[in-house]
C-alpha atoms as a PDB file:
ATOM      1  CA  MET A   1       8.987 -25.129  13.331  1.00  0.00           C
ATOM      2  CA  SER A   2       6.560 -22.324  12.876  1.00  0.00           C
ATOM      3  CA  SER A   3       7.204 -18.563  13.108  1.00  0.00           C
ATOM      4  CA  VAL A   4       4.989 -15.626  14.398  1.00  0.00           C
ATOM      5  CA  VAL A   5       5.293 -12.444  12.419  1.00  0.00           C
ATOM      6  CA  LEU A   6       4.972  -8.996  14.003  1.00  0.00           C
ATOM      7  CA  ILE A   7       3.789  -6.127  11.638  1.00  0.00           C
ATOM      8  CA  SER A   8       2.548  -2.518  12.155  1.00  0.00           C
ATOM      9  CA  GLY A   9       1.539  -1.769   8.516  1.00  0.00           C
ATOM     10  CA  ARG A  10       1.324  -3.120   5.077  1.00  0.00           C
ATOM     11  CA  GLY A  11       3.216  -6.089   5.668  1.00  0.00           C
ATOM     12  CA  SER A  12       5.194  -6.757   2.469  1.00  0.00           C
ATOM     13  CA  ASN A  13       7.921  -8.608   3.973  1.00  0.00           C
ATOM     14  CA  MET A  14       5.331 -10.732   5.851  1.00  0.00           C
ATOM     15  CA  GLN A  15       3.973 -11.347   2.504  1.00  0.00           C
ATOM     16  CA  ALA A  16       7.313 -12.647   1.170  1.00  0.00           C
ATOM     17  CA  LEU A  17       7.578 -14.863   3.932  1.00  0.00           C
ATOM     18  CA  ILE A  18       4.354 -16.426   3.186  1.00  0.00           C
ATOM     19  CA  ASP A  19       4.796 -16.506  -0.496  1.00  0.00           C
ATOM     20  CA  ALA A  20       8.213 -18.378   0.003  1.00  0.00           C
ATOM     21  CA  GLY A  21       6.397 -21.122   1.923  1.00  0.00           C
ATOM     22  CA  ILE A  22       7.557 -20.142   5.386  1.00  0.00           C
ATOM     23  CA  PRO A  23       5.307 -21.724   8.119  1.00  0.00           C
ATOM     24  CA  VAL A  24       3.502 -18.806   9.733  1.00  0.00           C
ATOM     25  CA  ALA A  25       1.437 -19.577  12.857  1.00  0.00           C
ATOM     26  CA  ALA A  26       0.162 -16.072  13.201  1.00  0.00           C
ATOM     27  CA  VAL A  27       0.434 -12.531  12.423  1.00  0.00           C
ATOM     28  CA  LEU A  28       0.222  -9.944  15.062  1.00  0.00           C
ATOM     29  CA  SER A  29       0.113  -6.328  15.005  1.00  0.00           C
ATOM     30  CA  ASN A  30       0.161  -3.420  17.469  1.00  0.00           C
ATOM     31  CA  VAL A  31      -2.088  -1.298  15.054  1.00  0.00           C
ATOM     32  CA  PRO A  32      -5.733  -2.047  14.448  1.00  0.00           C
ATOM     33  CA  GLY A  33      -6.563  -2.088  10.795  1.00  0.00           C
ATOM     34  CA  ALA A  34      -2.767  -2.695   9.761  1.00  0.00           C
ATOM     35  CA  ALA A  35      -3.009  -3.679   5.917  1.00  0.00           C
ATOM     36  CA  GLY A  36      -0.959  -6.751   6.344  1.00  0.00           C
ATOM     37  CA  LEU A  37      -3.422  -8.339   8.627  1.00  0.00           C
ATOM     38  CA  ALA A  38      -6.141  -8.545   5.717  1.00  0.00           C
ATOM     39  CA  ILE A  39      -3.394 -10.003   3.584  1.00  0.00           C
ATOM     40  CA  ALA A  40      -2.556 -12.831   6.245  1.00  0.00           C
ATOM     41  CA  ALA A  41      -6.317 -13.431   6.894  1.00  0.00           C
ATOM     42  CA  GLN A  42      -6.789 -13.973   3.173  1.00  0.00           C
ATOM     43  CA  ARG A  43      -4.124 -16.779   3.342  1.00  0.00           C
ATOM     44  CA  GLY A  44      -5.812 -18.500   6.083  1.00  0.00           C
ATOM     45  CA  ILE A  45      -3.353 -17.199   8.786  1.00  0.00           C
ATOM     46  CA  PRO A  46      -4.612 -16.446  12.201  1.00  0.00           C
ATOM     47  CA  THR A  47      -4.149 -12.689  13.135  1.00  0.00           C
ATOM     48  CA  ALA A  48      -4.515 -10.612  16.342  1.00  0.00           C
ATOM     49  CA  VAL A  49      -4.166  -7.031  17.328  1.00  0.00           C
ATOM     50  CA  VAL A  50      -2.385  -5.895  20.482  1.00  0.00           C
ATOM     51  CA  PRO A  51      -2.817  -2.069  20.381  1.00  0.00           C
ATOM     52  CA  HIS A  52       0.125  -0.470  22.213  1.00  0.00           C
ATOM     53  CA  GLU A  53      -2.070   2.594  22.975  1.00  0.00           C
ATOM     54  CA  ASP A  54      -4.288   0.500  25.249  1.00  0.00           C
ATOM     55  CA  TYR A  55      -1.379   0.091  27.784  1.00  0.00           C
ATOM     56  CA  ALA A  56      -0.274   2.449  30.189  1.00  0.00           C
ATOM     57  CA  SER A  57       3.589   1.477  29.782  1.00  0.00           C
ATOM     58  CA  ARG A  58       5.681  -0.052  27.305  1.00  0.00           C
ATOM     59  CA  GLU A  59       6.331  -3.077  29.535  1.00  0.00           C
ATOM     60  CA  SER A  60       2.585  -3.717  30.034  1.00  0.00           C
ATOM     61  CA  PHE A  61       2.248  -3.706  26.308  1.00  0.00           C
ATOM     62  CA  GLU A  62       5.150  -6.000  25.824  1.00  0.00           C
ATOM     63  CA  ASP A  63       3.901  -8.381  28.542  1.00  0.00           C
ATOM     64  CA  ALA A  64       0.485  -8.663  26.536  1.00  0.00           C
ATOM     65  CA  LEU A  65       2.368  -9.062  23.216  1.00  0.00           C
ATOM     66  CA  ALA A  66       4.510 -11.750  24.733  1.00  0.00           C
ATOM     67  CA  ALA A  67       1.588 -13.616  26.018  1.00  0.00           C
ATOM     68  CA  LYS A  68      -0.157 -13.585  22.654  1.00  0.00           C
ATOM     69  CA  ILE A  69       3.152 -14.894  20.878  1.00  0.00           C
ATOM     70  CA  ASP A  70       3.322 -17.546  23.484  1.00  0.00           C
ATOM     71  CA  GLU A  71      -0.123 -18.939  22.678  1.00  0.00           C
ATOM     72  CA  TYR A  72       1.323 -20.101  19.182  1.00  0.00           C
ATOM     73  CA  SER A  73       4.595 -21.619  20.842  1.00  0.00           C
ATOM     74  CA  PRO A  74       6.606 -20.326  17.623  1.00  0.00           C
ATOM     75  CA  ARG A  75      10.191 -21.298  17.268  1.00  0.00           C
ATOM     76  CA  LEU A  76      10.951 -17.890  15.603  1.00  0.00           C
ATOM     77  CA  VAL A  77       9.471 -14.334  16.103  1.00  0.00           C
ATOM     78  CA  ALA A  78      10.073 -12.480  12.815  1.00  0.00           C
ATOM     79  CA  LEU A  79       9.839  -8.730  12.779  1.00  0.00           C
ATOM     80  CA  ALA A  80       8.526  -7.428   9.459  1.00  0.00           C
ATOM     81  CA  GLY A  81       8.018  -3.624   9.767  1.00  0.00           C
ATOM     82  CA  PHE A  82       7.026  -3.766  13.475  1.00  0.00           C
ATOM     83  CA  MET A  83       7.645   0.064  14.466  1.00  0.00           C
ATOM     84  CA  ARG A  84       8.146  -0.309  18.064  1.00  0.00           C
ATOM     85  CA  VAL A  85      11.484  -0.162  19.795  1.00  0.00           C
ATOM     86  CA  LEU A  86      11.706  -3.285  22.173  1.00  0.00           C
ATOM     87  CA  THR A  87      12.826  -3.126  25.550  1.00  0.00           C
ATOM     88  CA  ALA A  88      15.630  -5.255  26.982  1.00  0.00           C
ATOM     89  CA  GLY A  89      13.294  -7.573  28.767  1.00  0.00           C
ATOM     90  CA  PHE A  90      11.134  -8.542  25.834  1.00  0.00           C
ATOM     91  CA  VAL A  91      14.227  -9.136  23.631  1.00  0.00           C
ATOM     92  CA  GLN A  92      15.727 -11.323  26.407  1.00  0.00           C
ATOM     93  CA  ARG A  93      12.599 -13.356  26.526  1.00  0.00           C
ATOM     94  CA  PHE A  94      13.001 -14.207  22.755  1.00  0.00           C
ATOM     95  CA  ARG A  95      16.736 -14.116  22.731  1.00  0.00           C
ATOM     96  CA  ASP A  96      18.403 -15.924  19.645  1.00  0.00           C
ATOM     97  CA  ARG A  97      15.024 -16.704  18.047  1.00  0.00           C
ATOM     98  CA  MET A  98      13.944 -13.257  16.983  1.00  0.00           C
ATOM     99  CA  LEU A  99      14.860 -11.841  13.376  1.00  0.00           C
ATOM    100  CA  ASN A 100      14.501  -8.427  11.967  1.00  0.00           C
ATOM    101  CA  VAL A 101      15.081  -6.976   8.374  1.00  0.00           C
ATOM    102  CA  HIS A 102      16.511  -3.518   8.324  1.00  0.00           C
ATOM    103  CA  PRO A 103      16.809  -1.226   4.984  1.00  0.00           C
ATOM    104  CA  SER A 104      20.618  -0.646   5.392  1.00  0.00           C
ATOM    105  CA  LEU A 105      23.957  -2.543   5.192  1.00  0.00           C
ATOM    106  CA  LEU A 106      24.490  -2.559   9.021  1.00  0.00           C
ATOM    107  CA  PRO A 107      26.095  -1.495  11.159  1.00  0.00           C
ATOM    108  CA  ALA A 108      25.738   1.680   8.881  1.00  0.00           C
ATOM    109  CA  PHE A 109      22.488   3.695   9.236  1.00  0.00           C
ATOM    110  CA  PRO A 110      20.655   2.021  12.116  1.00  0.00           C
ATOM    111  CA  GLY A 111      17.183   3.634  12.972  1.00  0.00           C
ATOM    112  CA  LEU A 112      14.923   5.484  10.518  1.00  0.00           C
ATOM    113  CA  ASN A 113      15.261   7.419   7.277  1.00  0.00           C
ATOM    114  CA  THR A 114      18.175   5.073   6.087  1.00  0.00           C
ATOM    115  CA  HIS A 115      17.795   5.688   2.384  1.00  0.00           C
ATOM    116  CA  GLU A 116      17.836   9.528   2.729  1.00  0.00           C
ATOM    117  CA  ARG A 117      20.943   9.204   5.007  1.00  0.00           C
ATOM    118  CA  ALA A 118      22.784   6.998   2.675  1.00  0.00           C
ATOM    119  CA  LEU A 119      22.184   9.502  -0.296  1.00  0.00           C
ATOM    120  CA  ALA A 120      23.396  12.579   2.089  1.00  0.00           C
ATOM    121  CA  GLU A 121      26.529  10.581   2.912  1.00  0.00           C
ATOM    122  CA  GLY A 122      27.369   9.683  -0.820  1.00  0.00           C
ATOM    123  CA  VAL A 123      27.534   6.111  -0.291  1.00  0.00           C
ATOM    124  CA  LYS A 124      28.085   4.021  -3.420  1.00  0.00           C
ATOM    125  CA  LEU A 125      26.470   0.814  -2.141  1.00  0.00           C
ATOM    126  CA  HIS A 126      23.404   0.397  -0.003  1.00  0.00           C
ATOM    127  CA  GLY A 127      21.171  -2.201   0.738  1.00  0.00           C
ATOM    128  CA  CYS A 128      19.549  -4.334   3.578  1.00  0.00           C
ATOM    129  CA  SER A 129      20.309  -6.609   6.516  1.00  0.00           C
ATOM    130  CA  VAL A 130      18.860  -9.423   8.314  1.00  0.00           C
ATOM    131  CA  HIS A 131      19.770  -9.596  11.764  1.00  0.00           C
ATOM    132  CA  PHE A 132      18.974 -11.168  15.233  1.00  0.00           C
ATOM    133  CA  VAL A 133      17.326  -8.708  17.489  1.00  0.00           C
ATOM    134  CA  THR A 134      19.206  -7.468  20.493  1.00  0.00           C
ATOM    135  CA  ALA A 135      18.711  -4.732  23.124  1.00  0.00           C
ATOM    136  CA  ASP A 136      21.041  -2.388  20.950  1.00  0.00           C
ATOM    137  CA  LEU A 137      18.835  -1.036  18.211  1.00  0.00           C
ATOM    138  CA  ASP A 138      19.566  -2.428  14.670  1.00  0.00           C
ATOM    139  CA  HIS A 139      23.025  -3.973  16.139  1.00  0.00           C
ATOM    140  CA  GLY A 140      22.324  -7.588  16.471  1.00  0.00           C
ATOM    141  CA  PRO A 141      24.396 -10.202  14.894  1.00  0.00           C
ATOM    142  CA  ILE A 142      23.904 -10.115  11.181  1.00  0.00           C
ATOM    143  CA  VAL A 143      22.625 -13.292   9.141  1.00  0.00           C
ATOM    144  CA  ALA A 144      22.456 -12.018   5.600  1.00  0.00           C
ATOM    145  CA  GLN A 145      22.777  -8.921   3.463  1.00  0.00           C
ATOM    146  CA  ALA A 146      22.016  -7.537  -0.049  1.00  0.00           C
ATOM    147  CA  ALA A 147      23.794  -4.787  -1.556  1.00  0.00           C
ATOM    148  CA  ILE A 148      22.982  -2.699  -4.605  1.00  0.00           C
ATOM    149  CA  PRO A 149      24.620   0.199  -6.483  1.00  0.00           C
ATOM    150  CA  VAL A 150      23.512   3.837  -5.580  1.00  0.00           C
ATOM    151  CA  HIS A 151      22.836   5.512  -8.919  1.00  0.00           C
ATOM    152  CA  ARG A 152      23.457   9.198  -9.491  1.00  0.00           C
ATOM    153  CA  GLU A 153      19.617   9.725  -9.965  1.00  0.00           C
ATOM    154  CA  ASP A 154      18.319   7.989  -7.122  1.00  0.00           C
ATOM    155  CA  THR A 155      15.984   9.630  -4.644  1.00  0.00           C
ATOM    156  CA  GLY A 156      15.004   8.213  -1.146  1.00  0.00           C
ATOM    157  CA  GLU A 157      11.847   6.859  -2.697  1.00  0.00           C
ATOM    158  CA  SER A 158      13.540   5.229  -5.713  1.00  0.00           C
ATOM    159  CA  LEU A 159      16.273   3.643  -3.448  1.00  0.00           C
ATOM    160  CA  ALA A 160      13.672   2.514  -0.934  1.00  0.00           C
ATOM    161  CA  ARG A 161      11.867   0.535  -3.651  1.00  0.00           C
ATOM    162  CA  ARG A 162      15.025  -1.112  -4.960  1.00  0.00           C
ATOM    163  CA  VAL A 163      16.188  -2.089  -1.438  1.00  0.00           C
ATOM    164  CA  LEU A 164      12.761  -3.567  -0.612  1.00  0.00           C
ATOM    165  CA  LYS A 165      12.843  -5.894  -3.490  1.00  0.00           C
ATOM    166  CA  GLN A 166      16.072  -7.276  -1.925  1.00  0.00           C
ATOM    167  CA  GLU A 167      14.435  -7.590   1.590  1.00  0.00           C
ATOM    168  CA  HIS A 168      12.071  -9.876   0.071  1.00  0.00           C
ATOM    169  CA  VAL A 169      14.918 -11.982  -1.374  1.00  0.00           C
ATOM    170  CA  ILE A 170      17.024 -12.294   1.794  1.00  0.00           C
ATOM    171  CA  TYR A 171      14.509 -12.328   4.626  1.00  0.00           C
ATOM    172  CA  PRO A 172      12.695 -15.501   3.526  1.00  0.00           C
ATOM    173  CA  ARG A 173      16.102 -17.285   2.884  1.00  0.00           C
ATOM    174  CA  ALA A 174      17.515 -16.282   6.459  1.00  0.00           C
ATOM    175  CA  VAL A 175      14.053 -17.299   8.181  1.00  0.00           C
ATOM    176  CA  GLN A 176      14.344 -20.554   6.497  1.00  0.00           C
ATOM    177  CA  TRP A 177      18.060 -20.949   7.497  1.00  0.00           C
ATOM    178  CA  PHE A 178      16.910 -20.427  11.043  1.00  0.00           C
ATOM    179  CA  LEU A 179      14.010 -22.657  10.950  1.00  0.00           C
ATOM    180  CA  ASP A 180      16.225 -25.355   9.350  1.00  0.00           C
ATOM    181  CA  GLY A 181      18.700 -24.968  12.273  1.00  0.00           C
ATOM    182  CA  LYS A 182      21.628 -23.861   9.930  1.00  0.00           C
ATOM    183  CA  LEU A 183      22.454 -20.711  11.920  1.00  0.00           C
ATOM    184  CA  VAL A 184      25.516 -20.601  14.210  1.00  0.00           C
ATOM    185  CA  ILE A 185      26.436 -17.626  16.244  1.00  0.00           C
ATOM    186  CA  ARG A 186      29.927 -17.431  17.691  1.00  0.00           C
ATOM    187  CA  ASN A 187      31.309 -14.497  19.407  1.00  0.00           C
ATOM    188  CA  GLY A 188      28.643 -12.230  17.680  1.00  0.00           C
ATOM    189  CA  VAL A 189      29.247 -13.581  14.187  1.00  0.00           C
ATOM    190  CA  VAL A 190      26.758 -15.645  12.326  1.00  0.00           C
ATOM    191  CA  SER A 191      27.681 -18.391  10.047  1.00  0.00           C
ATOM    192  CA  VAL A 192      25.453 -20.868   7.939  1.00  0.00           C
ATOM    193  CA  LYS A 193      25.980 -24.469   7.989  1.00  0.00           C
ATOM    194  CA  GLY A 194      26.736 -25.614   4.507  1.00  0.00           C
ATOM    195  CA  ASN A 195      28.373 -22.462   3.536  1.00  0.00           C
ATOM    196  CA  HIS A 196      25.250 -20.855   2.016  1.00  0.00           C
ATOM    197  CA  ALA A 197      25.874 -17.380   0.576  1.00  0.00           C
ATOM    198  CA  GLN A 198      25.110 -14.663   3.134  1.00  0.00           C
ATOM    199  CA  LEU A 199      25.748 -11.801   0.799  1.00  0.00           C
ATOM    200  CA  VAL A 200      23.468 -10.887  -2.339  1.00  0.00           C
ATOM    201  CA  PHE A 201      24.962  -8.365  -4.645  1.00  0.00           C
ATOM    202  CA  ASP A 202      22.661  -7.335  -7.389  1.00  0.00           C
ATOM    203  CA  ASP A 203      24.552  -4.941  -9.703  1.00  0.00           C
ATOM    204  CA  SER A 204      21.732  -4.849 -12.190  1.00  0.00           C
ATOM    205  CA  ALA A 205      19.281  -3.296  -9.645  1.00  0.00           C
END
């Protein structure tokens, strides 16, 4: 019933998972010295680093990363600010048991700089999405989303802060649904057994 969390930096979503009581068997990073590793270690969670720069190819790095993940036999692999684009082979290896949280209302604004792009497009709602990871970047089946209004005075930084708070709400919820066996994927659409709410709208944010 456990999970392995992959991070590249501070690991705030990793910390949200831990704080919510999600069983985390290990936290792995591709970046030596990633701040989240120290947080996990303080919580008594095993950590390891698989530096991508030590490998001659993306595939050899991913082989080493997958081998390290498999040491913990997790039911779920949770990406939490893991800043590496994964190959189709790696995704297939963990198919239907790897989740990611992305700072936009997918399918809008996949990739980077989502908050600045949202402001540039003049959208009135922005937010975040938890989705299954597929070979298509940020286009896997959506598990949950949280939406907030975009204020006239928002900047990329202020929008990022407000969206991050919502990530900390929906990611633990979605991970717990997965671990409880409540997620069903049919024709690329995710439902939750028991009709649990898959959308959070916070108009006070």
